[in-house]
Amino acid sequence: IIRLQTMLLRPYIQSLRGAPAAWSLSSSRACSSKAAAAAPGTASPKSASASNQSAAQKAYRAALQFASERSQRLTALAAAQAEAEAAPITMDRRIGFMGAGQMAEAMARGFLAKGLIKSDRMCCSDPNQERKDVFASLGITAYNTNTEVVQNCDVIMVAVKPQMVAKVLSDARPMMTPQHTIVSIAAGVTIEQILAAAGPDARVVRVMPNTPCMVGAAASAMAMGGKANAEDETTVRNMFESVGKIYTVDEKLLAAVTGVSGSGPAYVYIMIEALADGGVRAGLPRDIAQGLAAQTVMGSAMMVLETGKHPGALKDMVTSPGGTTIAGVHELEKAGVRCALMNAVMASADRAIEMSKL
């Protein structure tokens, strides 16, 4: 726009300086203009200058109008794009929860809060009446059996204990259709085991979420199996992005996901508790120490996610030579904290593999 304005305004500026208004005329056109000016009956240089100035003023007004209109179009386009991105994705498929525990509740609340789905398009079943009452308070229909859930949903969320997955799917299998998508969040239950209970043609998506799902900050991963297709992947992605982030991985990597993000919150809680204990040891009141520790962990995580910088580079930004932070980092290295965290991830991942073989 700026280059266009400059081009259009050049004749106006030149006319003010008394120079002939020209739009990069060639030499031949310039010579023709001089010959026409010298011929009898042609306009005088003064009147030609006035004419050029008038043309330049028109060009100036046209340039301003063009720039204004284009700016308005770009602004409207940006606003429309922002509105489209902010608009919630509304699912056209119904969701049914087999199991109404804490994780299922967190997901249901997240779906509702993000406008992903209305409460009357969700249902659940659970042997515990109190849990069913919690879902009912959200406007979600609570059934007594899993078969009723299957009959009234399109996406079956398997949120029961791992040892119960085979039974609930086997019981509900006669009611399942090729249109159903099975989404399992049961730890350690493989896609092969799910297909054995639900049928070889079932559309299966295995998801490993974590407890920050309860505050809309889950870190999840999913693996596709059976007859699951791209539509199923999109459906599950929309669901879990309403309560955090989700990545697609091969099933063989879900054990590693369990070690990092599935069990990871427990490691972070220990870190927060230890930081707070250190603050108390240094003289801070417990509530202030814990608040500072939790906010520090949250802020540090946001720095990693939003800057895209390596954690080591961000660490170096804090550790000035001979300063307080490097003294603390030295103690962490002497205590083997880095190695302990790596070992914790590996131990959790190994246990997940063991559980899948039970």
Foldseek 3Di string as FASTA:
>chain_A
DVVLLCLLLVLLVCLVVVHHRDNPDDPVVVVVVVVQQPDPPHDDSVVNSVVSNVSSVVSNVVVVVVVVVVVVVVVVVVVVVVVVVLDAAADPWAEEEEDQDPLNVLLVVLCVVRVNYQQDSYEYEDCDVVSNVVSVVSVHHYDHALLVRQQRTQEYEYDDEPVCLLVNLLVNQVSHDLSHEYEYQHFLADPVSNCVRNPQQHWYKYKHWADLLNVLAIEMEIETDRNHDPVNVVVVQSSNNSSHHYYYDHPLCVLLVCLCRHCVVVVLVVVLVVQLVVVVVVPDDSVVSSVVSVVVVVVLVCCCVVVVDDSVVVLVVVDDPPDDSVVVVVVCVVVVVVVVSVVSSVVSSVVSNVSNVD
